[in-house]
Amino acid sequence: MQHSLSRLASSLKFTALAAFASAVGLASGCSGDDQCAGIEIDGQCYAECKDDQCVEGNRCVPDVTTKVPSCVPPCGIQDDCDVGTNCVDVNFPDGRARYCVAMLGGKSGQDEACASDKDCDTRRGWQCLPSGDGKRCLHTCEAHSTCQEGELCTTGFANEDGEAVGACQPGPCTSNANCNI
C-alpha cells in the first residue's frame, strides 16, 4: 500500500509538472514552428499596428525606446500632447506630420532623476538641474507666477550651458495668496 501511494504521488507530481510546462508554453505564444503573425523586434513578437485600426487621425508610430509601434494622436503644438510625450515631426511614406511621441524610457521628464536635459520634458520648460543629492528634472522659471501654487521661483541654478536659471521649488507657503505672488 505504501509503495502504491508513493507511485501515485510521483504520478501526480509529473502530471502537475507537465500541465505547468504546457501552460507556460501556451502563455508565451510559442509552439516551436509557428512564425510571428505580427512584427518581431529583438526576438519578441508584437501585434502589428495598422493606421486603419487607430482612432481617426491617429497613426502608428514606433516607440523611441522599445521600437514597438502604437497608435498615437496628432499635434500642432507641445500643449496638445500628454505629459510624458512630445510633439515631434514623424516621417511616413506618404509625408511628414507632427505626432505625440513618448519620451525615452516612458518617463514623464518632470520632477524625476536625470543625467542630462535629454531625460527631461524640455519642451514644457523642464531642465536637468542640481537638486539635493543629485540632479532632477525641474521646471524653470523667471517669476513666481510661472510656478504651480505653493511653489516659489528660486534662483541660483545653472543649466547644462552654464547659464543661471530659476527653478520652481516648494515654498514656505501653502497657496499663492499667502506667498504674496
N, C-alpha and C. Protein backbone atom coordinates (compact mmCIF):
# COMPACT_ATOMS: atom_id res chain seq x y z
N MET A 1 0.82 -1.19 0.00
CA MET A 1 0.00 0.00 0.00
C MET A 1 0.87 1.26 0.00
N GLN A 2 1.93 1.26 0.82
CA GLN A 2 2.85 2.40 0.91
C GLN A 2 3.48 2.64 -0.46
N HIS A 3 3.88 1.59 -1.18
CA HIS A 3 4.52 1.72 -2.48
C HIS A 3 3.54 2.30 -3.50
N SER A 4 2.26 1.89 -3.46
CA SER A 4 1.24 2.39 -4.38
C SER A 4 1.00 3.88 -4.16
N LEU A 5 0.96 4.32 -2.89
CA LEU A 5 0.78 5.74 -2.60
C LEU A 5 1.96 6.56 -3.10
N SER A 6 3.16 6.02 -2.97
CA SER A 6 4.35 6.71 -3.41
C SER A 6 4.33 6.88 -4.93
N ARG A 7 3.92 5.78 -5.63
CA ARG A 7 3.86 5.84 -7.09
C ARG A 7 2.75 6.82 -7.52
N LEU A 8 1.63 6.86 -6.83
CA LEU A 8 0.54 7.78 -7.13
C LEU A 8 0.99 9.23 -6.93
N ALA A 9 1.72 9.49 -5.85
CA ALA A 9 2.23 10.84 -5.59
C ALA A 9 3.20 11.26 -6.68
N SER A 10 4.09 10.37 -7.11
CA SER A 10 5.04 10.69 -8.17
C SER A 10 4.31 10.96 -9.47
N SER A 11 3.29 10.16 -9.75
CA SER A 11 2.50 10.34 -10.96
C SER A 11 1.80 11.70 -10.95
N LEU A 12 1.23 12.08 -9.78
CA LEU A 12 0.56 13.37 -9.67
C LEU A 12 1.54 14.52 -9.83
N LYS A 13 2.75 14.37 -9.26
CA LYS A 13 3.76 15.41 -9.40
C LYS A 13 4.13 15.58 -10.87
N PHE A 14 4.32 14.47 -11.60
CA PHE A 14 4.66 14.54 -13.01
C PHE A 14 3.54 15.20 -13.81
N THR A 15 2.28 14.82 -13.53
CA THR A 15 1.14 15.40 -14.22
C THR A 15 1.06 16.90 -13.98
N ALA A 16 1.27 17.31 -12.73
CA ALA A 16 1.24 18.73 -12.40
C ALA A 16 2.36 19.48 -13.13
N LEU A 17 3.56 18.87 -13.16
CA LEU A 17 4.70 19.48 -13.83
C LEU A 17 4.44 19.59 -15.33
N ALA A 18 3.88 18.56 -15.93
CA ALA A 18 3.57 18.58 -17.36
C ALA A 18 2.52 19.64 -17.67
N ALA A 19 1.52 19.75 -16.82
CA ALA A 19 0.48 20.76 -17.02
C ALA A 19 1.07 22.17 -16.92
N PHE A 20 1.96 22.38 -15.96
CA PHE A 20 2.61 23.68 -15.79
C PHE A 20 3.45 24.01 -17.02
N ALA A 21 4.25 23.06 -17.50
CA ALA A 21 5.10 23.28 -18.67
C ALA A 21 4.25 23.59 -19.89
N SER A 22 3.14 22.89 -20.04
CA SER A 22 2.23 23.14 -21.15
C SER A 22 1.64 24.54 -21.06
N ALA A 23 1.23 24.95 -19.87
CA ALA A 23 0.64 26.28 -19.68
C ALA A 23 1.66 27.36 -19.98
N VAL A 24 2.91 27.17 -19.57
CA VAL A 24 3.95 28.15 -19.83
C VAL A 24 4.18 28.27 -21.34
N GLY A 25 4.19 27.15 -22.02
CA GLY A 25 4.35 27.16 -23.48
C GLY A 25 3.22 27.90 -24.16
N LEU A 26 1.99 27.69 -23.71
CA LEU A 26 0.85 28.37 -24.31
C LEU A 26 0.86 29.85 -24.00
N ALA A 27 1.25 30.22 -22.79
CA ALA A 27 1.26 31.62 -22.39
C ALA A 27 2.26 32.42 -23.20
N SER A 28 3.38 31.80 -23.60
CA SER A 28 4.39 32.54 -24.34
C SER A 28 4.04 32.69 -25.81
N GLY A 29 3.03 31.95 -26.27
CA GLY A 29 2.62 32.04 -27.66
C GLY A 29 3.52 31.27 -28.59
N CYS A 30 4.39 30.44 -28.07
CA CYS A 30 5.33 29.69 -28.88
C CYS A 30 4.87 28.24 -29.01
N SER A 31 5.01 27.69 -30.18
CA SER A 31 4.73 26.28 -30.34
C SER A 31 5.80 25.63 -31.19
N GLY A 32 6.99 26.22 -31.19
CA GLY A 32 8.11 25.62 -31.88
C GLY A 32 8.27 26.12 -33.30
N ASP A 33 7.32 25.75 -34.20
CA ASP A 33 7.49 26.10 -35.60
C ASP A 33 6.57 27.24 -36.06
N ASP A 34 5.83 27.88 -35.15
CA ASP A 34 4.97 29.00 -35.52
C ASP A 34 5.81 30.23 -35.83
N GLN A 35 5.37 30.99 -36.84
CA GLN A 35 6.01 32.24 -37.18
C GLN A 35 5.27 33.37 -36.47
N CYS A 36 5.94 34.48 -36.28
CA CYS A 36 5.32 35.65 -35.66
C CYS A 36 4.27 36.20 -36.64
N ALA A 37 3.03 36.33 -36.16
CA ALA A 37 1.95 36.82 -37.02
C ALA A 37 1.93 38.35 -37.09
N GLY A 38 2.65 39.01 -36.19
CA GLY A 38 2.70 40.47 -36.17
C GLY A 38 4.05 40.95 -36.67
N ILE A 39 4.76 41.68 -35.79
CA ILE A 39 6.12 42.12 -36.10
C ILE A 39 7.05 41.62 -35.02
N GLU A 40 8.27 41.30 -35.41
CA GLU A 40 9.25 40.80 -34.46
C GLU A 40 10.31 41.87 -34.22
N ILE A 41 10.51 42.20 -32.93
CA ILE A 41 11.50 43.19 -32.54
C ILE A 41 12.34 42.57 -31.43
N ASP A 42 13.64 42.50 -31.65
CA ASP A 42 14.57 41.91 -30.68
C ASP A 42 14.11 40.53 -30.21
N GLY A 43 13.62 39.72 -31.15
CA GLY A 43 13.23 38.35 -30.83
C GLY A 43 11.86 38.21 -30.18
N GLN A 44 11.16 39.32 -29.96
CA GLN A 44 9.82 39.28 -29.37
C GLN A 44 8.78 39.56 -30.44
N CYS A 45 7.65 38.87 -30.37
CA CYS A 45 6.58 39.06 -31.33
C CYS A 45 5.54 40.02 -30.75
N TYR A 46 5.17 41.04 -31.54
CA TYR A 46 4.18 42.02 -31.12
C TYR A 46 3.09 42.10 -32.19
N ALA A 47 1.88 42.47 -31.74
CA ALA A 47 0.79 42.67 -32.68
C ALA A 47 1.16 43.79 -33.63
N GLU A 48 0.80 43.63 -34.89
CA GLU A 48 1.10 44.67 -35.87
C GLU A 48 0.16 45.85 -35.69
N CYS A 49 0.70 47.04 -35.74
CA CYS A 49 -0.11 48.26 -35.63
C CYS A 49 -0.42 48.72 -37.05
N LYS A 50 -1.70 48.97 -37.31
CA LYS A 50 -2.12 49.44 -38.63
C LYS A 50 -2.89 50.75 -38.46
N ASP A 51 -2.55 51.74 -39.28
CA ASP A 51 -3.19 53.05 -39.18
C ASP A 51 -4.71 52.97 -39.25
N ASP A 52 -5.24 52.06 -40.08
CA ASP A 52 -6.69 51.98 -40.23
C ASP A 52 -7.38 51.37 -39.01
N GLN A 53 -6.60 50.85 -38.06
CA GLN A 53 -7.16 50.31 -36.82
C GLN A 53 -7.08 51.34 -35.68
N CYS A 54 -6.43 52.46 -35.93
CA CYS A 54 -6.29 53.52 -34.93
C CYS A 54 -7.55 54.40 -34.93
N VAL A 55 -7.75 55.13 -33.83
CA VAL A 55 -8.80 56.14 -33.77
C VAL A 55 -8.54 57.13 -34.91
N GLU A 56 -9.59 57.66 -35.49
CA GLU A 56 -9.44 58.57 -36.62
C GLU A 56 -8.46 59.69 -36.31
N GLY A 57 -7.51 59.90 -37.21
CA GLY A 57 -6.50 60.93 -37.04
C GLY A 57 -5.20 60.42 -36.44
N ASN A 58 -5.28 59.35 -35.65
CA ASN A 58 -4.07 58.76 -35.05
C ASN A 58 -3.34 57.93 -36.09
N ARG A 59 -2.03 57.73 -35.86
CA ARG A 59 -1.21 56.92 -36.76
C ARG A 59 -0.31 56.02 -35.92
N CYS A 60 0.18 54.97 -36.55
CA CYS A 60 1.12 54.05 -35.90
C CYS A 60 2.52 54.65 -35.95
N VAL A 61 3.12 54.81 -34.78
CA VAL A 61 4.46 55.37 -34.67
C VAL A 61 5.24 54.48 -33.70
N PRO A 62 6.48 54.08 -34.07
CA PRO A 62 7.28 53.25 -33.16
C PRO A 62 7.71 54.03 -31.92
N ASP A 63 7.65 53.37 -30.76
CA ASP A 63 8.13 53.94 -29.50
C ASP A 63 9.63 54.15 -29.62
N VAL A 64 10.14 55.29 -29.16
CA VAL A 64 11.57 55.58 -29.30
C VAL A 64 12.44 54.67 -28.45
N THR A 65 11.89 54.07 -27.41
CA THR A 65 12.68 53.18 -26.55
C THR A 65 12.58 51.73 -27.00
N THR A 66 11.35 51.24 -27.14
CA THR A 66 11.15 49.82 -27.43
C THR A 66 11.07 49.51 -28.91
N LYS A 67 10.81 50.50 -29.74
CA LYS A 67 10.61 50.37 -31.19
C LYS A 67 9.28 49.72 -31.54
N VAL A 68 8.46 49.39 -30.53
CA VAL A 68 7.15 48.79 -30.76
C VAL A 68 6.18 49.89 -31.19
N PRO A 69 5.57 49.75 -32.38
CA PRO A 69 4.64 50.79 -32.84
C PRO A 69 3.30 50.73 -32.12
N SER A 70 2.70 51.91 -31.94
CA SER A 70 1.36 52.00 -31.37
C SER A 70 0.69 53.24 -31.94
N CYS A 71 -0.64 53.30 -31.79
CA CYS A 71 -1.43 54.43 -32.29
C CYS A 71 -1.18 55.65 -31.40
N VAL A 72 -0.81 56.77 -32.01
CA VAL A 72 -0.57 58.00 -31.26
C VAL A 72 -1.34 59.14 -31.91
N PRO A 73 -1.73 60.15 -31.10
CA PRO A 73 -2.51 61.27 -31.64
C PRO A 73 -1.65 62.33 -32.33
N PRO A 74 -2.26 63.05 -33.27
CA PRO A 74 -1.55 64.15 -33.92
C PRO A 74 -1.47 65.36 -32.99
N CYS A 75 -0.60 66.30 -33.32
CA CYS A 75 -0.47 67.52 -32.52
C CYS A 75 -0.03 68.67 -33.42
N GLY A 76 -0.31 69.85 -32.94
CA GLY A 76 0.17 71.05 -33.62
C GLY A 76 1.24 71.72 -32.79
N ILE A 77 1.03 71.70 -31.45
CA ILE A 77 1.98 72.29 -30.51
C ILE A 77 2.17 71.34 -29.34
N GLN A 78 3.18 71.60 -28.53
CA GLN A 78 3.52 70.73 -27.40
C GLN A 78 2.35 70.55 -26.43
N ASP A 79 1.58 71.60 -26.20
CA ASP A 79 0.48 71.52 -25.24
C ASP A 79 -0.65 70.58 -25.70
N ASP A 80 -0.64 70.16 -26.96
CA ASP A 80 -1.62 69.19 -27.45
C ASP A 80 -1.34 67.78 -26.93
N CYS A 81 -0.12 67.56 -26.44
CA CYS A 81 0.31 66.22 -26.02
C CYS A 81 0.22 66.04 -24.51
N ASP A 82 0.03 64.80 -24.09
CA ASP A 82 0.02 64.46 -22.67
C ASP A 82 1.43 64.58 -22.09
N VAL A 83 1.52 64.75 -20.79
CA VAL A 83 2.81 64.73 -20.11
C VAL A 83 3.48 63.39 -20.40
N GLY A 84 4.76 63.41 -20.66
CA GLY A 84 5.49 62.19 -20.99
C GLY A 84 5.59 61.95 -22.49
N THR A 85 4.95 62.83 -23.28
CA THR A 85 5.07 62.75 -24.73
C THR A 85 5.44 64.12 -25.27
N ASN A 86 6.06 64.13 -26.43
CA ASN A 86 6.46 65.37 -27.07
C ASN A 86 5.87 65.44 -28.47
N CYS A 87 5.53 66.62 -28.90
CA CYS A 87 5.03 66.86 -30.24
C CYS A 87 6.23 66.96 -31.17
N VAL A 88 6.39 65.95 -32.01
CA VAL A 88 7.57 65.89 -32.88
C VAL A 88 7.17 65.58 -34.32
N ASP A 89 8.04 65.94 -35.25
CA ASP A 89 7.83 65.61 -36.66
C ASP A 89 8.14 64.13 -36.85
N VAL A 90 7.22 63.42 -37.53
CA VAL A 90 7.40 62.00 -37.81
C VAL A 90 7.31 61.81 -39.31
N ASN A 91 8.26 61.06 -39.87
CA ASN A 91 8.27 60.77 -41.30
C ASN A 91 7.46 59.51 -41.59
N PHE A 92 6.55 59.61 -42.54
CA PHE A 92 5.74 58.49 -43.01
C PHE A 92 6.00 58.33 -44.51
N PRO A 93 5.68 57.17 -45.08
CA PRO A 93 5.86 57.01 -46.53
C PRO A 93 5.07 58.04 -47.34
N ASP A 94 3.94 58.52 -46.80
CA ASP A 94 3.11 59.48 -47.53
C ASP A 94 3.35 60.94 -47.11
N GLY A 95 4.42 61.19 -46.36
CA GLY A 95 4.75 62.56 -45.97
C GLY A 95 5.14 62.68 -44.51
N ARG A 96 5.27 63.90 -44.08
CA ARG A 96 5.71 64.21 -42.71
C ARG A 96 4.58 64.90 -41.96
N ALA A 97 4.42 64.54 -40.67
CA ALA A 97 3.38 65.16 -39.85
C ALA A 97 3.84 65.18 -38.40
N ARG A 98 3.14 65.94 -37.56
CA ARG A 98 3.51 66.06 -36.14
C ARG A 98 2.60 65.18 -35.30
N TYR A 99 3.23 64.37 -34.43
CA TYR A 99 2.50 63.45 -33.55
C TYR A 99 3.10 63.46 -32.15
N CYS A 100 2.29 63.09 -31.17
CA CYS A 100 2.73 62.99 -29.77
C CYS A 100 3.46 61.66 -29.59
N VAL A 101 4.75 61.74 -29.32
CA VAL A 101 5.59 60.54 -29.21
C VAL A 101 6.12 60.45 -27.78
N ALA A 102 6.08 59.23 -27.22
CA ALA A 102 6.55 59.01 -25.85
C ALA A 102 8.03 59.36 -25.71
N MET A 103 8.37 59.91 -24.55
CA MET A 103 9.76 60.25 -24.26
C MET A 103 10.55 58.97 -24.01
N LEU A 104 11.85 59.05 -24.09
CA LEU A 104 12.72 57.90 -23.87
C LEU A 104 12.44 57.25 -22.53
N GLY A 105 12.33 55.95 -22.53
CA GLY A 105 12.14 55.20 -21.29
C GLY A 105 10.74 55.30 -20.71
N GLY A 106 9.83 55.96 -21.40
CA GLY A 106 8.46 56.07 -20.91
C GLY A 106 8.30 56.94 -19.68
N LYS A 107 9.27 57.79 -19.42
CA LYS A 107 9.19 58.68 -18.25
C LYS A 107 8.45 59.95 -18.61
N SER A 108 8.11 60.72 -17.58
CA SER A 108 7.42 61.98 -17.83
C SER A 108 8.40 63.12 -18.08
N GLY A 109 9.63 62.99 -17.58
CA GLY A 109 10.61 64.06 -17.73
C GLY A 109 10.34 65.25 -16.83
N GLN A 110 9.49 65.02 -15.81
CA GLN A 110 9.14 66.08 -14.88
C GLN A 110 9.35 65.59 -13.46
N ASP A 111 10.14 66.34 -12.69
CA ASP A 111 10.43 66.01 -11.29
C ASP A 111 10.91 64.57 -11.12
N GLU A 112 11.81 64.15 -12.01
CA GLU A 112 12.42 62.82 -11.95
C GLU A 112 13.94 62.97 -11.97
N ALA A 113 14.62 61.95 -11.47
CA ALA A 113 16.08 61.94 -11.53
C ALA A 113 16.51 62.00 -12.99
N CYS A 114 17.65 62.65 -13.25
CA CYS A 114 18.11 62.80 -14.63
C CYS A 114 19.63 62.84 -14.66
N ALA A 115 20.17 62.61 -15.85
CA ALA A 115 21.61 62.75 -16.08
C ALA A 115 21.88 63.97 -16.95
N SER A 116 20.92 64.30 -17.84
CA SER A 116 21.06 65.46 -18.72
C SER A 116 19.67 65.94 -19.14
N ASP A 117 19.63 67.05 -19.85
CA ASP A 117 18.37 67.60 -20.32
C ASP A 117 17.61 66.61 -21.21
N LYS A 118 18.31 65.68 -21.85
CA LYS A 118 17.66 64.68 -22.72
C LYS A 118 16.65 63.85 -21.93
N ASP A 119 16.83 63.76 -20.62
CA ASP A 119 15.92 62.98 -19.77
C ASP A 119 14.69 63.79 -19.34
N CYS A 120 14.66 65.09 -19.66
CA CYS A 120 13.62 65.98 -19.15
C CYS A 120 12.67 66.46 -20.25
N ASP A 121 11.50 66.90 -19.83
CA ASP A 121 10.48 67.43 -20.72
C ASP A 121 10.82 68.89 -21.04
N THR A 122 11.90 69.07 -21.79
CA THR A 122 12.41 70.41 -22.08
C THR A 122 11.41 71.25 -22.89
N ARG A 123 10.57 70.60 -23.65
CA ARG A 123 9.59 71.34 -24.46
C ARG A 123 8.55 72.03 -23.59
N ARG A 124 8.41 71.60 -22.34
CA ARG A 124 7.49 72.25 -21.41
C ARG A 124 8.26 73.03 -20.34
N GLY A 125 9.55 73.24 -20.52
CA GLY A 125 10.31 74.08 -19.61
C GLY A 125 11.02 73.35 -18.48
N TRP A 126 11.15 72.03 -18.55
CA TRP A 126 11.84 71.27 -17.51
C TRP A 126 13.27 71.02 -17.94
N GLN A 127 14.22 71.25 -17.02
CA GLN A 127 15.64 71.04 -17.31
C GLN A 127 16.27 70.21 -16.20
N CYS A 128 17.37 69.54 -16.55
CA CYS A 128 18.11 68.73 -15.58
C CYS A 128 19.02 69.67 -14.79
N LEU A 129 18.69 69.84 -13.51
CA LEU A 129 19.41 70.79 -12.65
C LEU A 129 19.83 70.12 -11.35
N PRO A 130 20.95 70.59 -10.74
CA PRO A 130 21.36 70.04 -9.45
C PRO A 130 20.26 70.25 -8.41
N SER A 131 19.97 69.21 -7.66
CA SER A 131 18.92 69.30 -6.65
C SER A 131 19.18 68.27 -5.56
N GLY A 132 19.39 68.74 -4.35
CA GLY A 132 19.61 67.82 -3.23
C GLY A 132 20.85 66.97 -3.44
N ASP A 133 20.66 65.64 -3.50
CA ASP A 133 21.80 64.73 -3.61
C ASP A 133 22.11 64.30 -5.04
N GLY A 134 21.53 64.96 -6.01
CA GLY A 134 21.79 64.60 -7.40
C GLY A 134 21.22 65.63 -8.34
N LYS A 135 20.74 65.15 -9.49
CA LYS A 135 20.10 66.04 -10.47
C LYS A 135 18.67 65.57 -10.68
N ARG A 136 17.77 66.55 -10.90
CA ARG A 136 16.36 66.26 -11.15
C ARG A 136 15.86 67.14 -12.28
N CYS A 137 14.83 66.67 -12.96
CA CYS A 137 14.15 67.49 -13.95
C CYS A 137 13.29 68.49 -13.17
N LEU A 138 13.68 69.77 -13.22
CA LEU A 138 12.96 70.82 -12.51
C LEU A 138 12.38 71.79 -13.52
N HIS A 139 11.23 72.37 -13.16
CA HIS A 139 10.58 73.35 -14.04
C HIS A 139 11.29 74.69 -13.88
N THR A 140 11.79 75.22 -14.97
CA THR A 140 12.50 76.50 -14.91
C THR A 140 11.49 77.65 -14.89
N CYS A 141 11.93 78.77 -14.34
CA CYS A 141 11.03 79.90 -14.17
C CYS A 141 11.82 81.21 -14.16
N GLU A 142 11.07 82.29 -14.37
CA GLU A 142 11.64 83.64 -14.26
C GLU A 142 10.92 84.44 -13.19
N ALA A 143 9.74 83.94 -12.77
CA ALA A 143 8.94 84.64 -11.76
C ALA A 143 8.08 83.61 -11.02
N HIS A 144 7.66 83.95 -9.81
CA HIS A 144 6.81 83.06 -9.01
C HIS A 144 5.54 82.68 -9.76
N SER A 145 5.02 83.60 -10.57
CA SER A 145 3.74 83.37 -11.25
C SER A 145 3.81 82.24 -12.27
N THR A 146 5.02 81.83 -12.68
CA THR A 146 5.13 80.74 -13.65
C THR A 146 5.22 79.37 -12.96
N CYS A 147 5.24 79.37 -11.64
CA CYS A 147 5.29 78.11 -10.88
C CYS A 147 3.89 77.70 -10.45
N GLN A 148 3.76 76.46 -10.03
CA GLN A 148 2.47 75.97 -9.52
C GLN A 148 2.18 76.59 -8.16
N GLU A 149 0.92 76.52 -7.78
CA GLU A 149 0.51 77.06 -6.48
C GLU A 149 1.34 76.44 -5.37
N GLY A 150 1.83 77.29 -4.46
CA GLY A 150 2.62 76.82 -3.32
C GLY A 150 4.11 76.69 -3.61
N GLU A 151 4.52 77.00 -4.86
CA GLU A 151 5.93 76.95 -5.22
C GLU A 151 6.49 78.36 -5.40
N LEU A 152 7.78 78.46 -5.22
CA LEU A 152 8.48 79.74 -5.42
C LEU A 152 9.52 79.56 -6.52
N CYS A 153 9.74 80.60 -7.30
CA CYS A 153 10.79 80.59 -8.30
C CYS A 153 12.09 80.93 -7.59
N THR A 154 12.95 79.94 -7.48
CA THR A 154 14.20 80.07 -6.73
C THR A 154 15.38 80.21 -7.71
N THR A 155 16.24 81.18 -7.48
CA THR A 155 17.40 81.39 -8.36
C THR A 155 18.59 80.60 -7.83
N GLY A 156 19.68 80.66 -8.57
CA GLY A 156 20.91 80.02 -8.11
C GLY A 156 21.20 78.69 -8.80
N PHE A 157 20.45 78.35 -9.81
CA PHE A 157 20.70 77.11 -10.56
C PHE A 157 21.47 77.44 -11.83
N ALA A 158 22.25 76.50 -12.31
CA ALA A 158 22.95 76.66 -13.59
C ALA A 158 22.55 75.49 -14.48
N ASN A 159 22.13 75.81 -15.73
CA ASN A 159 21.74 74.74 -16.65
C ASN A 159 22.97 74.13 -17.30
N GLU A 160 22.76 73.19 -18.22
CA GLU A 160 23.87 72.49 -18.86
C GLU A 160 24.81 73.42 -19.61
N ASP A 161 24.29 74.57 -20.05
CA ASP A 161 25.12 75.55 -20.77
C ASP A 161 25.82 76.51 -19.82
N GLY A 162 25.62 76.31 -18.51
CA GLY A 162 26.24 77.18 -17.52
C GLY A 162 25.49 78.47 -17.27
N GLU A 163 24.32 78.62 -17.90
CA GLU A 163 23.53 79.83 -17.73
C GLU A 163 22.76 79.77 -16.41
N ALA A 164 22.64 80.91 -15.74
CA ALA A 164 21.87 80.99 -14.49
C ALA A 164 20.38 80.92 -14.82
N VAL A 165 19.68 80.04 -14.14
CA VAL A 165 18.23 79.89 -14.32
C VAL A 165 17.56 79.77 -12.97
N GLY A 166 16.28 80.07 -12.95
CA GLY A 166 15.47 79.84 -11.77
C GLY A 166 14.74 78.52 -11.92
N ALA A 167 14.34 77.93 -10.80
CA ALA A 167 13.58 76.68 -10.83
C ALA A 167 12.49 76.74 -9.78
N CYS A 168 11.34 76.20 -10.12
CA CYS A 168 10.22 76.16 -9.18
C CYS A 168 10.52 75.16 -8.08
N GLN A 169 10.42 75.62 -6.85
CA GLN A 169 10.70 74.79 -5.68
C GLN A 169 9.55 74.94 -4.68
N PRO A 170 9.30 73.90 -3.88
CA PRO A 170 8.26 74.04 -2.85
C PRO A 170 8.58 75.24 -1.97
N GLY A 171 7.57 76.09 -1.77
CA GLY A 171 7.77 77.30 -0.97
C GLY A 171 7.32 77.10 0.46
N PRO A 172 7.63 78.08 1.28
CA PRO A 172 7.20 78.02 2.68
C PRO A 172 5.73 78.42 2.82
N CYS A 173 5.03 78.41 1.69
CA CYS A 173 3.63 78.84 1.73
C CYS A 173 2.74 77.69 1.24
N THR A 174 1.48 77.79 1.53
CA THR A 174 0.53 76.75 1.15
C THR A 174 -0.35 77.16 -0.02
N SER A 175 -0.30 78.43 -0.41
CA SER A 175 -1.06 78.89 -1.56
C SER A 175 -0.43 80.15 -2.11
N ASN A 176 -0.80 80.54 -3.32
CA ASN A 176 -0.27 81.77 -3.91
C ASN A 176 -0.68 82.98 -3.08
N ALA A 177 -1.86 82.92 -2.45
CA ALA A 177 -2.36 84.07 -1.67
C ALA A 177 -1.42 84.41 -0.53
N ASN A 178 -0.92 83.40 0.19
CA ASN A 178 -0.04 83.74 1.32
C ASN A 178 1.44 83.73 0.94
N CYS A 179 1.74 83.59 -0.36
CA CYS A 179 3.11 83.77 -0.84
C CYS A 179 3.32 85.18 -1.36
N ASN A 180 2.22 85.95 -1.38
CA ASN A 180 2.27 87.33 -1.90
C ASN A 180 2.79 87.39 -3.33
N ILE A 181 2.28 86.47 -4.15
CA ILE A 181 2.70 86.43 -5.56
C ILE A 181 1.78 87.30 -6.39
